[in-house]
Amino acid sequence: MTERIQLPSLSTEKDYDGDQFSPIYTTTVTVHGGVTSHGRASGRARSSDGALDLDLRMPAELGGDGRGTNPEQLFAAGFAACFHGALSLLARQEALDAAAISVVTTVAFGRDPGDGGYVLRVDLVVRWPGVDRETATGLMEQADALCPYARMAWRGTPTTITLAS
């Protein structure tokens, strides 16, 4: 007999009314080592709990050997997983089959025509067989407002950068 996975007690309700950020989960990843002369991440990325431990390499399209992952792949995976989770939560609330949902995320790294700096573009494609377009579109719009990665993309994310002493 397979045990049912205990789902976290996350909700779509606006059930927090605080005046400060209230963290629910925190993780830390350290990147170190590798070739740095080209200005792109390489080396090793490892999470504080060891669950993530992988080589970072420049993609072949940018002159690297492509024998590792890169920041854009990690961002695409995180965005796809987060949006998938938000949409699945909403689907379950509507008694729809969340298992049929797939999210394909494409992240493009390129130049910003406004200032010449580097920028990312993100395209999400949701596949949800068996659910009509109107229902899926409405829930995707709600997921866009719920998913922290989507909120980050639209609103920005508060960030601090500190030099360790």
Protein backbone atom coordinates (compact mmCIF):
# COMPACT_ATOMS: atom_id res chain seq x y z
CA MET A 1 0.00 0.00 0.00
CA THR A 2 1.34 3.41 -0.98
CA GLU A 3 1.15 6.16 1.60
CA ARG A 4 -0.48 9.36 0.47
CA ILE A 5 1.90 12.32 0.39
CA GLN A 6 1.05 14.90 3.03
CA LEU A 7 0.52 18.21 1.24
CA PRO A 8 1.75 21.40 2.87
CA SER A 9 -0.86 23.71 4.34
CA LEU A 10 -0.44 26.39 1.70
CA SER A 11 -3.50 28.24 0.50
CA THR A 12 -4.61 30.63 -2.20
CA GLU A 13 -6.35 32.77 0.40
CA LYS A 14 -4.97 36.14 1.32
CA ASP A 15 -4.74 34.91 4.89
CA TYR A 16 -1.69 36.89 5.98
CA ASP A 17 -2.15 40.42 7.19
CA GLY A 18 1.27 41.39 8.48
CA ASP A 19 3.37 44.44 7.80
CA GLN A 20 6.62 42.50 7.30
CA PHE A 21 7.82 39.66 5.12
CA SER A 22 6.98 36.33 6.76
CA PRO A 23 9.27 33.55 5.49
CA ILE A 24 7.78 30.06 5.24
CA TYR A 25 10.85 28.30 3.80
CA THR A 26 14.45 29.41 3.30
CA THR A 27 17.28 27.75 1.40
CA THR A 28 20.89 28.68 0.74
CA VAL A 29 23.02 27.70 -2.26
CA THR A 30 26.73 28.42 -2.55
CA VAL A 31 28.55 28.63 -5.88
CA HIS A 32 32.33 28.41 -5.84
CA GLY A 33 35.31 27.52 -8.01
CA GLY A 34 35.41 27.20 -11.76
CA VAL A 35 36.66 29.39 -14.55
CA THR A 36 35.69 33.00 -13.98
CA SER A 37 37.59 34.84 -16.71
CA HIS A 38 34.61 34.77 -19.08
CA GLY A 39 32.19 36.35 -16.60
CA ARG A 40 29.75 33.42 -16.57
CA ALA A 41 29.02 31.07 -13.70
CA SER A 42 31.00 27.87 -13.62
CA GLY A 43 32.25 25.72 -10.80
CA ARG A 44 30.02 23.95 -8.33
CA ALA A 45 26.61 24.81 -6.86
CA ARG A 46 25.64 23.16 -3.58
CA SER A 47 22.67 23.73 -1.31
CA SER A 48 23.19 23.92 2.44
CA ASP A 49 21.30 20.64 2.90
CA GLY A 50 23.26 18.89 0.11
CA ALA A 51 20.13 18.04 -1.90
CA LEU A 52 21.41 20.18 -4.78
CA ASP A 53 25.01 19.50 -5.75
CA LEU A 54 25.96 20.02 -9.37
CA ASP A 55 28.54 21.34 -11.79
CA LEU A 56 27.89 24.67 -13.47
CA ARG A 57 29.19 25.11 -16.99
CA MET A 58 28.81 27.63 -19.73
CA PRO A 59 26.45 26.41 -22.46
CA ALA A 60 28.03 25.34 -25.75
CA GLU A 61 26.15 28.19 -27.49
CA LEU A 62 28.24 30.66 -25.44
CA GLY A 63 31.54 28.88 -26.04
CA GLY A 64 31.49 26.49 -23.10
CA ASP A 65 31.72 22.72 -23.06
CA GLY A 66 28.05 22.38 -22.08
CA ARG A 67 28.84 19.46 -19.76
CA GLY A 68 26.98 20.86 -16.78
CA THR A 69 23.98 22.98 -16.08
CA ASN A 70 23.85 26.77 -16.23
CA PRO A 71 21.98 29.52 -14.38
CA GLU A 72 19.32 29.84 -17.08
CA GLN A 73 18.48 26.13 -16.82
CA LEU A 74 18.26 26.38 -13.03
CA PHE A 75 16.01 29.45 -13.29
CA ALA A 76 13.80 27.74 -15.91
CA ALA A 77 13.45 24.66 -13.70
CA GLY A 78 12.59 26.76 -10.65
CA PHE A 79 10.07 28.90 -12.54
CA ALA A 80 8.40 25.88 -14.17
CA ALA A 81 8.19 24.01 -10.86
CA CYS A 82 6.79 27.01 -9.00
CA PHE A 83 4.18 27.84 -11.64
CA HIS A 84 3.25 24.15 -11.89
CA GLY A 85 2.79 24.04 -8.13
CA ALA A 86 0.60 27.15 -8.05
CA LEU A 87 -1.56 25.90 -10.93
CA SER A 88 -1.83 22.43 -9.37
CA LEU A 89 -3.00 23.93 -6.07
CA LEU A 90 -5.70 25.89 -7.90
CA ALA A 91 -6.69 22.82 -9.94
CA ARG A 92 -7.13 20.71 -6.81
CA GLN A 93 -9.37 23.39 -5.32
CA GLU A 94 -11.55 23.13 -8.44
CA ALA A 95 -11.50 19.30 -8.32
CA LEU A 96 -9.59 19.15 -11.62
CA ASP A 97 -6.87 16.64 -12.52
CA ALA A 98 -3.61 18.40 -11.63
CA ALA A 99 -1.57 15.33 -12.64
CA ALA A 100 -2.22 16.14 -16.31
CA ILE A 101 -0.59 19.60 -16.09
CA SER A 102 2.84 20.20 -17.56
CA VAL A 103 4.69 23.52 -17.72
CA VAL A 104 7.40 24.13 -20.29
CA THR A 105 9.59 27.12 -19.47
CA THR A 106 12.00 28.67 -21.95
CA VAL A 107 14.54 31.17 -20.61
CA ALA A 108 16.49 33.27 -23.10
CA PHE A 109 19.66 35.14 -22.06
CA GLY A 110 20.42 38.19 -24.18
CA ARG A 111 21.04 41.90 -24.46
CA ASP A 112 18.63 44.59 -23.32
CA PRO A 113 18.11 47.01 -26.23
CA GLY A 114 17.41 49.78 -23.73
CA ASP A 115 20.79 49.86 -22.03
CA GLY A 116 22.91 47.11 -23.61
CA GLY A 117 23.05 45.12 -20.36
CA TYR A 118 22.09 41.48 -19.98
CA VAL A 119 18.50 40.44 -19.45
CA LEU A 120 16.39 37.29 -19.34
CA ARG A 121 13.16 36.60 -21.20
CA VAL A 122 10.82 33.89 -19.98
CA ASP A 123 8.12 32.07 -21.92
CA LEU A 124 5.81 29.62 -20.13
CA VAL A 125 3.67 27.13 -22.05
CA VAL A 126 1.09 25.14 -20.10
CA ARG A 127 -0.19 21.84 -21.41
CA TRP A 128 -3.36 20.65 -19.70
CA PRO A 129 -5.19 17.97 -21.67
CA GLY A 130 -8.81 17.37 -20.76
CA VAL A 131 -9.48 20.88 -19.44
CA ASP A 132 -11.30 23.43 -21.58
CA ARG A 133 -9.41 26.54 -22.68
CA GLU A 134 -11.57 29.01 -20.73
CA THR A 135 -11.17 27.14 -17.43
CA ALA A 136 -7.44 26.62 -17.94
CA THR A 137 -6.86 30.25 -18.91
CA GLY A 138 -8.71 31.55 -15.85
CA LEU A 139 -6.72 29.31 -13.52
CA MET A 140 -3.46 30.23 -15.28
CA GLU A 141 -4.21 33.91 -14.63
CA GLN A 142 -4.77 33.10 -10.94
CA ALA A 143 -1.56 31.05 -10.85
CA ASP A 144 0.32 34.00 -12.38
CA ALA A 145 -0.81 36.13 -9.42
CA LEU A 146 -0.03 33.34 -6.90
CA CYS A 147 3.34 31.99 -8.11
CA PRO A 148 6.28 33.76 -6.40
CA TYR A 149 8.46 33.40 -9.52
CA ALA A 150 5.80 35.07 -11.67
CA ARG A 151 5.37 37.78 -9.06
CA MET A 152 9.15 38.28 -9.07
CA ALA A 153 9.13 38.57 -12.86
CA TRP A 154 6.38 41.20 -12.87
CA ARG A 155 7.24 43.15 -9.72
CA GLY A 156 10.91 42.53 -9.01
CA THR A 157 12.28 41.00 -5.83
CA PRO A 158 13.78 42.81 -2.84
CA THR A 159 17.47 41.93 -2.90
CA THR A 160 20.39 42.69 -0.63
CA ILE A 161 24.02 42.29 -1.65
CA THR A 162 26.57 42.22 1.16
CA LEU A 163 30.31 41.63 1.29
CA ALA A 164 31.05 39.09 4.02
CA SER A 165 33.60 40.21 6.57
